[in-house]
Amino acid sequence: LKDAEVVTKEMYLEEHFFYRKVQIADALTDMLYLALGSIDIRESIM
């Protein structure tokens, strides 16, 4: 997510801005998937 949030001057171009947003969405979704996974693993071990 931090890598996706790095802004360069090319990011101000429309296509690069959109690509960056997709990468951020990807990282955020993976974070959610893993966070829910940790909850499930914790409950399994209980």
All heavy atoms as atom14 arrays in JSON, in Angstrom:
{
  "sequence": "LKDAEVVTKEMYLEEHFFYRKVQIADALTDMLYLALGSIDIRESIM",
  "atom14_mask": [
    [1, 1, 1, 1, 1, 1, 1, 1, 0, 0, 0, 0, 0, 0],
    [1, 1, 1, 1, 1, 1, 1, 1, 1, 0, 0, 0, 0, 0],
    [1, 1, 1, 1, 1, 1, 1, 1, 0, 0, 0, 0, 0, 0],
    [1, 1, 1, 1, 1, 0, 0, 0, 0, 0, 0, 0, 0, 0],
    [1, 1, 1, 1, 1, 1, 1, 1, 1, 0, 0, 0, 0, 0],
    [1, 1, 1, 1, 1, 1, 1, 0, 0, 0, 0, 0, 0, 0],
    [1, 1, 1, 1, 1, 1, 1, 0, 0, 0, 0, 0, 0, 0],
    [1, 1, 1, 1, 1, 1, 1, 0, 0, 0, 0, 0, 0, 0],
    [1, 1, 1, 1, 1, 1, 1, 1, 1, 0, 0, 0, 0, 0],
    [1, 1, 1, 1, 1, 1, 1, 1, 1, 0, 0, 0, 0, 0],
    [1, 1, 1, 1, 1, 1, 1, 1, 0, 0, 0, 0, 0, 0],
    [1, 1, 1, 1, 1, 1, 1, 1, 1, 1, 1, 1, 0, 0],
    [1, 1, 1, 1, 1, 1, 1, 1, 0, 0, 0, 0, 0, 0],
    [1, 1, 1, 1, 1, 1, 1, 1, 1, 0, 0, 0, 0, 0],
    [1, 1, 1, 1, 1, 1, 1, 1, 1, 0, 0, 0, 0, 0],
    [1, 1, 1, 1, 1, 1, 1, 1, 1, 1, 0, 0, 0, 0],
    [1, 1, 1, 1, 1, 1, 1, 1, 1, 1, 1, 0, 0, 0],
    [1, 1, 1, 1, 1, 1, 1, 1, 1, 1, 1, 0, 0, 0],
    [1, 1, 1, 1, 1, 1, 1, 1, 1, 1, 1, 1, 0, 0],
    [1, 1, 1, 1, 1, 1, 1, 1, 1, 1, 1, 0, 0, 0],
    [1, 1, 1, 1, 1, 1, 1, 1, 1, 0, 0, 0, 0, 0],
    [1, 1, 1, 1, 1, 1, 1, 0, 0, 0, 0, 0, 0, 0],
    [1, 1, 1, 1, 1, 1, 1, 1, 1, 0, 0, 0, 0, 0],
    [1, 1, 1, 1, 1, 1, 1, 1, 0, 0, 0, 0, 0, 0],
    [1, 1, 1, 1, 1, 0, 0, 0, 0, 0, 0, 0, 0, 0],
    [1, 1, 1, 1, 1, 1, 1, 1, 0, 0, 0, 0, 0, 0],
    [1, 1, 1, 1, 1, 0, 0, 0, 0, 0, 0, 0, 0, 0],
    [1, 1, 1, 1, 1, 1, 1, 1, 0, 0, 0, 0, 0, 0],
    [1, 1, 1, 1, 1, 1, 1, 0, 0, 0, 0, 0, 0, 0],
    [1, 1, 1, 1, 1, 1, 1, 1, 0, 0, 0, 0, 0, 0],
    [1, 1, 1, 1, 1, 1, 1, 1, 0, 0, 0, 0, 0, 0],
    [1, 1, 1, 1, 1, 1, 1, 1, 0, 0, 0, 0, 0, 0],
    [1, 1, 1, 1, 1, 1, 1, 1, 1, 1, 1, 1, 0, 0],
    [1, 1, 1, 1, 1, 1, 1, 1, 0, 0, 0, 0, 0, 0],
    [1, 1, 1, 1, 1, 0, 0, 0, 0, 0, 0, 0, 0, 0],
    [1, 1, 1, 1, 1, 1, 1, 1, 0, 0, 0, 0, 0, 0],
    [1, 1, 1, 1, 0, 0, 0, 0, 0, 0, 0, 0, 0, 0],
    [1, 1, 1, 1, 1, 1, 0, 0, 0, 0, 0, 0, 0, 0],
    [1, 1, 1, 1, 1, 1, 1, 1, 0, 0, 0, 0, 0, 0],
    [1, 1, 1, 1, 1, 1, 1, 1, 0, 0, 0, 0, 0, 0],
    [1, 1, 1, 1, 1, 1, 1, 1, 0, 0, 0, 0, 0, 0],
    [1, 1, 1, 1, 1, 1, 1, 1, 1, 1, 1, 0, 0, 0],
    [1, 1, 1, 1, 1, 1, 1, 1, 1, 0, 0, 0, 0, 0],
    [1, 1, 1, 1, 1, 1, 0, 0, 0, 0, 0, 0, 0, 0],
    [1, 1, 1, 1, 1, 1, 1, 1, 0, 0, 0, 0, 0, 0],
    [1, 1, 1, 1, 1, 1, 1, 1, 0, 0, 0, 0, 0, 0]
  ],
  "atom14_positions": [
    [[0.84, -1.2, 0.0], [0.0, 0.0, 0.0], [0.87, 1.25, 0.0], [0.62, 2.2, -0.76], [-0.92, 0.01, 1.22], [-1.77, 1.27, 1.41], [-2.72, 1.46, 0.22], [-2.57, 1.19, 2.71], [0.0, 0.0, 0.0], [0.0, 0.0, 0.0], [0.0, 0.0, 0.0], [0.0, 0.0, 0.0], [0.0, 0.0, 0.0], [0.0, 0.0, 0.0]],
    [[1.91, 1.26, 0.82], [2.81, 2.41, 0.87], [3.5, 2.62, -0.47], [3.65, 3.76, -0.94], [3.86, 2.21, 1.98], [3.28, 2.26, 3.39], [4.36, 2.02, 4.43], [3.78, 2.06, 5.83], [4.84, 1.81, 6.87], [0.0, 0.0, 0.0], [0.0, 0.0, 0.0], [0.0, 0.0, 0.0], [0.0, 0.0, 0.0], [0.0, 0.0, 0.0]],
    [[3.89, 1.52, -1.11], [4.53, 1.63, -2.43], [3.55, 2.19, -3.46], [3.93, 3.0, -4.32], [5.02, 0.25, -2.89], [6.17, -0.27, -2.05], [6.8, 0.54, -1.34], [6.42, -1.49, -2.09], [0.0, 0.0, 0.0], [0.0, 0.0, 0.0], [0.0, 0.0, 0.0], [0.0, 0.0, 0.0], [0.0, 0.0, 0.0], [0.0, 0.0, 0.0]],
    [[2.29, 1.77, -3.38], [1.28, 2.25, -4.33], [0.98, 3.72, -4.12], [0.56, 4.41, -5.06], [0.0, 1.43, -4.19], [0.0, 0.0, 0.0], [0.0, 0.0, 0.0], [0.0, 0.0, 0.0], [0.0, 0.0, 0.0], [0.0, 0.0, 0.0], [0.0, 0.0, 0.0], [0.0, 0.0, 0.0], [0.0, 0.0, 0.0], [0.0, 0.0, 0.0]],
    [[1.21, 4.21, -2.92], [0.88, 5.6, -2.6], [2.0, 6.56, -2.97], [1.82, 7.78, -2.89], [0.57, 5.74, -1.11], [-0.75, 5.09, -0.72], [-1.01, 5.15, 0.77], [-0.03, 5.18, 1.55], [-2.18, 5.17, 1.16], [0.0, 0.0, 0.0], [0.0, 0.0, 0.0], [0.0, 0.0, 0.0], [0.0, 0.0, 0.0], [0.0, 0.0, 0.0]],
    [[3.14, 6.03, -3.38], [4.25, 6.89, -3.78], [3.85, 7.69, -5.02], [3.4, 7.14, -6.03], [5.52, 6.08, -4.08], [6.61, 6.97, -4.66], [6.02, 5.4, -2.81], [0.0, 0.0, 0.0], [0.0, 0.0, 0.0], [0.0, 0.0, 0.0], [0.0, 0.0, 0.0], [0.0, 0.0, 0.0], [0.0, 0.0, 0.0], [0.0, 0.0, 0.0]],
    [[3.98, 8.98, -4.94], [3.56, 9.85, -6.04], [4.79, 10.37, -6.79], [5.73, 10.87, -6.2], [2.75, 11.06, -5.51], [2.38, 11.99, -6.66], [1.51, 10.58, -4.79], [0.0, 0.0, 0.0], [0.0, 0.0, 0.0], [0.0, 0.0, 0.0], [0.0, 0.0, 0.0], [0.0, 0.0, 0.0], [0.0, 0.0, 0.0], [0.0, 0.0, 0.0]],
    [[4.77, 10.2, -8.09], [5.79, 10.78, -8.96], [5.1, 11.77, -9.89], [3.88, 11.83, -9.97], [6.5, 9.7, -9.8], [5.54, 9.11, -10.67], [7.09, 8.62, -8.9], [0.0, 0.0, 0.0], [0.0, 0.0, 0.0], [0.0, 0.0, 0.0], [0.0, 0.0, 0.0], [0.0, 0.0, 0.0], [0.0, 0.0, 0.0], [0.0, 0.0, 0.0]],
    [[5.89, 12.55, -10.6], [5.27, 13.55, -11.46], [4.44, 12.92, -12.58], [3.48, 13.52, -13.07], [6.34, 14.46, -12.06], [7.36, 13.78, -12.95], [8.37, 14.79, -13.46], [9.41, 14.12, -14.37], [10.4, 15.11, -14.87], [0.0, 0.0, 0.0], [0.0, 0.0, 0.0], [0.0, 0.0, 0.0], [0.0, 0.0, 0.0], [0.0, 0.0, 0.0]],
    [[4.79, 11.67, -12.95], [4.0, 10.99, -13.98], [2.59, 10.66, -13.48], [1.67, 10.49, -14.28], [4.69, 9.7, -14.42], [5.95, 9.88, -15.24], [7.16, 10.15, -14.37], [7.04, 10.05, -13.13], [8.24, 10.48, -14.93], [0.0, 0.0, 0.0], [0.0, 0.0, 0.0], [0.0, 0.0, 0.0], [0.0, 0.0, 0.0], [0.0, 0.0, 0.0]],
    [[2.44, 10.58, -12.15], [1.15, 10.21, -11.61], [0.07, 11.26, -11.87], [-1.12, 11.0, -11.72], [1.27, 9.98, -10.09], [2.06, 8.75, -9.72], [1.32, 7.24, -10.34], [2.46, 6.01, -9.71], [0.0, 0.0, 0.0], [0.0, 0.0, 0.0], [0.0, 0.0, 0.0], [0.0, 0.0, 0.0], [0.0, 0.0, 0.0], [0.0, 0.0, 0.0]],
    [[0.5, 12.47, -12.24], [-0.49, 13.51, -12.52], [-1.13, 13.31, -13.89], [-2.12, 13.96, -14.21], [0.16, 14.89, -12.42], [0.54, 15.23, -10.99], [1.85, 15.07, -10.54], [-0.42, 15.65, -10.08], [2.2, 15.35, -9.22], [-0.08, 15.93, -8.76], [1.22, 15.78, -8.34], [1.55, 16.05, -7.04], [0.0, 0.0, 0.0], [0.0, 0.0, 0.0]],
    [[-0.58, 12.43, -14.71], [-1.23, 12.07, -15.96], [-2.41, 11.14, -15.64], [-2.34, 10.32, -14.74], [-0.24, 11.37, -16.89], [0.98, 12.19, -17.33], [1.93, 11.32, -18.13], [0.55, 13.4, -18.14], [0.0, 0.0, 0.0], [0.0, 0.0, 0.0], [0.0, 0.0, 0.0], [0.0, 0.0, 0.0], [0.0, 0.0, 0.0], [0.0, 0.0, 0.0]],
    [[-3.48, 11.28, -16.39], [-4.72, 10.56, -16.09], [-4.52, 9.05, -15.98], [-4.97, 8.41, -15.03], [-5.76, 10.87, -17.16], [-7.13, 10.28, -16.88], [-7.82, 10.93, -15.69], [-7.61, 12.13, -15.45], [-8.55, 10.2, -15.0], [0.0, 0.0, 0.0], [0.0, 0.0, 0.0], [0.0, 0.0, 0.0], [0.0, 0.0, 0.0], [0.0, 0.0, 0.0]],
    [[-3.8, 8.46, -16.97], [-3.67, 7.01, -16.97], [-2.84, 6.51, -15.8], [-3.11, 5.45, -15.23], [-3.07, 6.53, -18.3], [-1.66, 7.03, -18.58], [-1.64, 8.36, -19.3], [-2.66, 9.07, -19.25], [-0.61, 8.69, -19.91], [0.0, 0.0, 0.0], [0.0, 0.0, 0.0], [0.0, 0.0, 0.0], [0.0, 0.0, 0.0], [0.0, 0.0, 0.0]],
    [[-1.83, 7.28, -15.4], [-1.01, 6.88, -14.27], [-1.75, 7.07, -12.96], [-1.59, 6.28, -12.02], [0.3, 7.68, -14.26], [1.25, 7.29, -15.33], [2.01, 6.15, -15.28], [1.56, 7.88, -16.52], [2.75, 6.05, -16.36], [2.49, 7.08, -17.13], [0.0, 0.0, 0.0], [0.0, 0.0, 0.0], [0.0, 0.0, 0.0], [0.0, 0.0, 0.0]],
    [[-2.58, 8.09, -12.88], [-3.38, 8.32, -11.69], [-4.35, 7.17, -11.47], [-4.52, 6.68, -10.36], [-4.15, 9.65, -11.82], [-4.85, 10.08, -10.57], [-4.23, 10.93, -9.66], [-6.13, 9.62, -10.28], [-4.87, 11.31, -8.49], [-6.78, 10.0, -9.12], [-6.15, 10.85, -8.23], [0.0, 0.0, 0.0], [0.0, 0.0, 0.0], [0.0, 0.0, 0.0]],
    [[-4.97, 6.72, -12.57], [-5.92, 5.61, -12.48], [-5.2, 4.32, -12.08], [-5.67, 3.57, -11.23], [-6.64, 5.41, -13.81], [-7.55, 4.22, -13.83], [-8.76, 4.25, -13.16], [-7.19, 3.06, -14.51], [-9.6, 3.14, -13.16], [-8.03, 1.95, -14.51], [-9.24, 2.0, -13.84], [0.0, 0.0, 0.0], [0.0, 0.0, 0.0], [0.0, 0.0, 0.0]],
    [[-4.04, 4.07, -12.66], [-3.26, 2.87, -12.34], [-2.9, 2.87, -10.86], [-2.99, 1.83, -10.19], [-2.0, 2.82, -13.19], [-1.05, 1.71, -12.82], [-1.31, 0.39, -13.19], [0.1, 1.97, -12.06], [-0.45, -0.64, -12.83], [0.97, 0.94, -11.7], [0.69, -0.35, -12.09], [1.54, -1.36, -11.73], [0.0, 0.0, 0.0], [0.0, 0.0, 0.0]],
    [[-2.52, 4.01, -10.33], [-2.17, 4.13, -8.92], [-3.38, 3.8, -8.05], [-3.25, 3.11, -7.03], [-1.66, 5.54, -8.64], [-1.38, 5.84, -7.16], [-0.73, 7.21, -7.03], [-0.6, 7.6, -5.63], [-1.45, 8.41, -5.01], [-2.51, 8.88, -5.67], [-1.28, 8.74, -3.75], [0.0, 0.0, 0.0], [0.0, 0.0, 0.0], [0.0, 0.0, 0.0]],
    [[-4.55, 4.28, -8.44], [-5.75, 4.02, -7.65], [-6.07, 2.53, -7.64], [-6.5, 1.98, -6.62], [-6.93, 4.82, -8.2], [-8.2, 4.66, -7.37], [-9.31, 5.6, -7.85], [-9.02, 7.02, -7.45], [-10.18, 7.9, -7.75], [0.0, 0.0, 0.0], [0.0, 0.0, 0.0], [0.0, 0.0, 0.0], [0.0, 0.0, 0.0], [0.0, 0.0, 0.0]],
    [[-5.87, 1.86, -8.76], [-6.12, 0.42, -8.84], [-5.15, -0.33, -7.92], [-5.54, -1.27, -7.22], [-6.0, -0.1, -10.29], [-6.06, -1.62, -10.33], [-7.1, 0.49, -11.16], [0.0, 0.0, 0.0], [0.0, 0.0, 0.0], [0.0, 0.0, 0.0], [0.0, 0.0, 0.0], [0.0, 0.0, 0.0], [0.0, 0.0, 0.0], [0.0, 0.0, 0.0]],
    [[-3.89, 0.09, -7.92], [-2.9, -0.55, -7.05], [-3.24, -0.35, -5.58], [-3.05, -1.25, -4.75], [-1.5, 0.02, -7.34], [-0.97, -0.29, -8.72], [-0.89, -1.79, -8.97], [-1.69, -2.36, -9.7], [0.09, -2.44, -8.36], [0.0, 0.0, 0.0], [0.0, 0.0, 0.0], [0.0, 0.0, 0.0], [0.0, 0.0, 0.0], [0.0, 0.0, 0.0]],
    [[-3.75, 0.82, -5.24], [-4.16, 1.09, -3.87], [-5.36, 0.22, -3.5], [-5.4, -0.36, -2.41], [-4.5, 2.59, -3.7], [-3.21, 3.42, -3.75], [-5.26, 2.84, -2.39], [-3.44, 4.91, -3.79], [0.0, 0.0, 0.0], [0.0, 0.0, 0.0], [0.0, 0.0, 0.0], [0.0, 0.0, 0.0], [0.0, 0.0, 0.0], [0.0, 0.0, 0.0]],
    [[-6.32, 0.11, -4.41], [-7.49, -0.75, -4.18], [-7.06, -2.2, -3.97], [-7.59, -2.91, -3.11], [-8.46, -0.64, -5.35], [0.0, 0.0, 0.0], [0.0, 0.0, 0.0], [0.0, 0.0, 0.0], [0.0, 0.0, 0.0], [0.0, 0.0, 0.0], [0.0, 0.0, 0.0], [0.0, 0.0, 0.0], [0.0, 0.0, 0.0], [0.0, 0.0, 0.0]],
    [[-6.08, -2.64, -4.74], [-5.55, -4.0, -4.63], [-4.95, -4.23, -3.24], [-5.24, -5.22, -2.57], [-4.51, -4.22, -5.72], [-3.98, -5.65, -5.74], [-4.68, -6.56, -5.23], [-2.88, -5.87, -6.26], [0.0, 0.0, 0.0], [0.0, 0.0, 0.0], [0.0, 0.0, 0.0], [0.0, 0.0, 0.0], [0.0, 0.0, 0.0], [0.0, 0.0, 0.0]],
    [[-4.12, -3.3, -2.81], [-3.46, -3.43, -1.5], [-4.47, -3.38, -0.36], [-4.39, -4.16, 0.59], [-2.41, -2.33, -1.33], [0.0, 0.0, 0.0], [0.0, 0.0, 0.0], [0.0, 0.0, 0.0], [0.0, 0.0, 0.0], [0.0, 0.0, 0.0], [0.0, 0.0, 0.0], [0.0, 0.0, 0.0], [0.0, 0.0, 0.0], [0.0, 0.0, 0.0]],
    [[-5.43, -2.48, -0.45], [-6.45, -2.36, 0.59], [-7.28, -3.63, 0.7], [-7.61, -4.09, 1.8], [-7.37, -1.17, 0.3], [-6.79, 0.23, 0.53], [-7.75, 1.29, 0.0], [-6.51, 0.47, 2.01], [0.0, 0.0, 0.0], [0.0, 0.0, 0.0], [0.0, 0.0, 0.0], [0.0, 0.0, 0.0], [0.0, 0.0, 0.0], [0.0, 0.0, 0.0]],
    [[-7.63, -4.21, -0.44], [-8.43, -5.43, -0.45], [-7.65, -6.61, 0.1], [-8.19, -7.43, 0.86], [-8.92, -5.74, -1.88], [-9.57, -4.58, -2.42], [-9.91, -6.89, -1.87], [0.0, 0.0, 0.0], [0.0, 0.0, 0.0], [0.0, 0.0, 0.0], [0.0, 0.0, 0.0], [0.0, 0.0, 0.0], [0.0, 0.0, 0.0], [0.0, 0.0, 0.0]],
    [[-6.38, -6.7, -0.25], [-5.54, -7.78, 0.29], [-5.38, -7.63, 1.81], [-5.35, -8.63, 2.54], [-4.16, -7.77, -0.38], [-4.21, -8.33, -1.78], [-5.22, -8.97, -2.15], [-3.23, -8.13, -2.53], [0.0, 0.0, 0.0], [0.0, 0.0, 0.0], [0.0, 0.0, 0.0], [0.0, 0.0, 0.0], [0.0, 0.0, 0.0], [0.0, 0.0, 0.0]],
    [[-5.26, -6.38, 2.27], [-5.18, -6.14, 3.72], [-6.44, -6.63, 4.42], [-6.37, -7.27, 5.47], [-4.97, -4.65, 3.99], [-3.57, -4.14, 3.68], [-3.43, -2.35, 3.89], [-3.7, -2.21, 5.65], [0.0, 0.0, 0.0], [0.0, 0.0, 0.0], [0.0, 0.0, 0.0], [0.0, 0.0, 0.0], [0.0, 0.0, 0.0], [0.0, 0.0, 0.0]],
    [[-7.59, -6.34, 3.82], [-8.86, -6.78, 4.41], [-8.95, -8.31, 4.42], [-9.37, -8.91, 5.41], [-10.03, -6.18, 3.62], [-11.43, -6.62, 4.04], [-11.7, -6.24, 5.49], [-12.48, -6.01, 3.11], [0.0, 0.0, 0.0], [0.0, 0.0, 0.0], [0.0, 0.0, 0.0], [0.0, 0.0, 0.0], [0.0, 0.0, 0.0], [0.0, 0.0, 0.0]],
    [[-8.53, -8.93, 3.33], [-8.56, -10.4, 3.22], [-7.7, -11.02, 4.31], [-8.1, -11.99, 4.96], [-8.06, -10.8, 1.83], [-8.67, -12.08, 1.3], [-9.86, -12.06, 0.58], [-8.05, -13.31, 1.48], [-10.42, -13.23, 0.07], [-8.59, -14.48, 0.99], [-9.78, -14.44, 0.28], [-10.32, -15.6, -0.21], [0.0, 0.0, 0.0], [0.0, 0.0, 0.0]],
    [[-6.52, -10.46, 4.51], [-5.62, -11.0, 5.52], [-6.11, -10.73, 6.94], [-5.97, -11.58, 7.83], [-4.22, -10.4, 5.34], [-3.36, -11.05, 4.27], [-2.12, -10.22, 3.99], [-2.95, -12.46, 4.71], [0.0, 0.0, 0.0], [0.0, 0.0, 0.0], [0.0, 0.0, 0.0], [0.0, 0.0, 0.0], [0.0, 0.0, 0.0], [0.0, 0.0, 0.0]],
    [[-6.68, -9.55, 7.16], [-7.19, -9.21, 8.49], [-8.33, -10.15, 8.89], [-8.38, -10.64, 10.02], [-7.66, -7.75, 8.52], [0.0, 0.0, 0.0], [0.0, 0.0, 0.0], [0.0, 0.0, 0.0], [0.0, 0.0, 0.0], [0.0, 0.0, 0.0], [0.0, 0.0, 0.0], [0.0, 0.0, 0.0], [0.0, 0.0, 0.0], [0.0, 0.0, 0.0]],
    [[-9.23, -10.42, 7.95], [-10.3, -11.37, 8.22], [-9.74, -12.78, 8.41], [-10.23, -13.55, 9.23], [-11.32, -11.36, 7.06], [-12.16, -10.09, 6.93], [-13.01, -10.14, 5.67], [-13.04, -9.87, 8.15], [0.0, 0.0, 0.0], [0.0, 0.0, 0.0], [0.0, 0.0, 0.0], [0.0, 0.0, 0.0], [0.0, 0.0, 0.0], [0.0, 0.0, 0.0]],
    [[-8.7, -13.1, 7.64], [-8.04, -14.4, 7.79], [-7.44, -14.58, 9.17], [-7.52, -15.67, 9.76], [0.0, 0.0, 0.0], [0.0, 0.0, 0.0], [0.0, 0.0, 0.0], [0.0, 0.0, 0.0], [0.0, 0.0, 0.0], [0.0, 0.0, 0.0], [0.0, 0.0, 0.0], [0.0, 0.0, 0.0], [0.0, 0.0, 0.0], [0.0, 0.0, 0.0]],
    [[-6.85, -13.53, 9.7], [-6.26, -13.6, 11.04], [-7.33, -13.85, 12.1], [-7.11, -14.57, 13.07], [-5.5, -12.3, 11.36], [-4.35, -12.19, 10.54], [0.0, 0.0, 0.0], [0.0, 0.0, 0.0], [0.0, 0.0, 0.0], [0.0, 0.0, 0.0], [0.0, 0.0, 0.0], [0.0, 0.0, 0.0], [0.0, 0.0, 0.0], [0.0, 0.0, 0.0]],
    [[-8.5, -13.23, 11.9], [-9.61, -13.45, 12.83], [-10.05, -14.91, 12.79], [-10.27, -15.55, 13.82], [-10.78, -12.51, 12.5], [-10.39, -11.07, 12.8], [-12.04, -12.9, 13.29], [-11.41, -10.03, 12.35], [0.0, 0.0, 0.0], [0.0, 0.0, 0.0], [0.0, 0.0, 0.0], [0.0, 0.0, 0.0], [0.0, 0.0, 0.0], [0.0, 0.0, 0.0]],
    [[-10.15, -15.46, 11.58], [-10.57, -16.85, 11.44], [-9.54, -17.82, 12.05], [-9.91, -18.78, 12.73], [-10.78, -17.18, 9.95], [-11.28, -18.6, 9.75], [-12.27, -18.98, 10.4], [-10.68, -19.33, 8.94], [0.0, 0.0, 0.0], [0.0, 0.0, 0.0], [0.0, 0.0, 0.0], [0.0, 0.0, 0.0], [0.0, 0.0, 0.0], [0.0, 0.0, 0.0]],
    [[-8.27, -17.55, 11.82], [-7.21, -18.4, 12.39], [-7.23, -18.34, 13.9], [-7.1, -19.36, 14.59], [-5.82, -17.96, 11.86], [-5.71, -18.21, 10.36], [-4.71, -18.66, 12.62], [-5.84, -19.65, 9.95], [0.0, 0.0, 0.0], [0.0, 0.0, 0.0], [0.0, 0.0, 0.0], [0.0, 0.0, 0.0], [0.0, 0.0, 0.0], [0.0, 0.0, 0.0]],
    [[-7.4, -17.14, 14.43], [-7.47, -16.98, 15.89], [-8.61, -17.78, 16.47], [-8.45, -18.48, 17.49], [-7.65, -15.49, 16.22], [-7.71, -15.18, 17.72], [-8.32, -13.82, 17.95], [-9.76, -13.84, 17.76], [-10.49, -12.76, 17.51], [-9.93, -11.59, 17.36], [-11.81, -12.86, 17.4], [0.0, 0.0, 0.0], [0.0, 0.0, 0.0], [0.0, 0.0, 0.0]],
    [[-9.78, -17.72, 15.85], [-10.94, -18.47, 16.34], [-10.73, -19.97, 16.21], [-11.2, -20.75, 17.04], [-12.19, -18.02, 15.6], [-12.6, -16.58, 15.9], [-13.83, -16.14, 15.12], [-14.29, -16.92, 14.25], [-14.32, -15.03, 15.38], [0.0, 0.0, 0.0], [0.0, 0.0, 0.0], [0.0, 0.0, 0.0], [0.0, 0.0, 0.0], [0.0, 0.0, 0.0]],
    [[-10.02, -20.38, 15.16], [-9.74, -21.79, 14.96], [-8.83, -22.34, 16.06], [-9.03, -23.46, 16.55], [-9.09, -22.0, 13.58], [-8.67, -23.32, 13.41], [0.0, 0.0, 0.0], [0.0, 0.0, 0.0], [0.0, 0.0, 0.0], [0.0, 0.0, 0.0], [0.0, 0.0, 0.0], [0.0, 0.0, 0.0], [0.0, 0.0, 0.0], [0.0, 0.0, 0.0]],
    [[-7.85, -21.56, 16.44], [-6.89, -22.0, 17.45], [-7.5, -21.99, 18.86], [-7.06, -22.73, 19.74], [-5.62, -21.12, 17.4], [-4.82, -21.45, 16.12], [-4.74, -21.31, 18.62], [-3.56, -20.65, 15.95], [0.0, 0.0, 0.0], [0.0, 0.0, 0.0], [0.0, 0.0, 0.0], [0.0, 0.0, 0.0], [0.0, 0.0, 0.0], [0.0, 0.0, 0.0]],
    [[-8.53, -21.19, 19.04], [-9.13, -21.07, 20.37], [-9.6, -22.41, 20.92], [-9.46, -22.69, 22.12], [-10.33, -20.1, 20.33], [-10.97, -19.85, 21.69], [-12.45, -18.82, 21.59], [-11.76, -17.3, 20.96], [0.0, 0.0, 0.0], [0.0, 0.0, 0.0], [0.0, 0.0, 0.0], [0.0, 0.0, 0.0], [0.0, 0.0, 0.0], [0.0, 0.0, 0.0]]
  ]
}
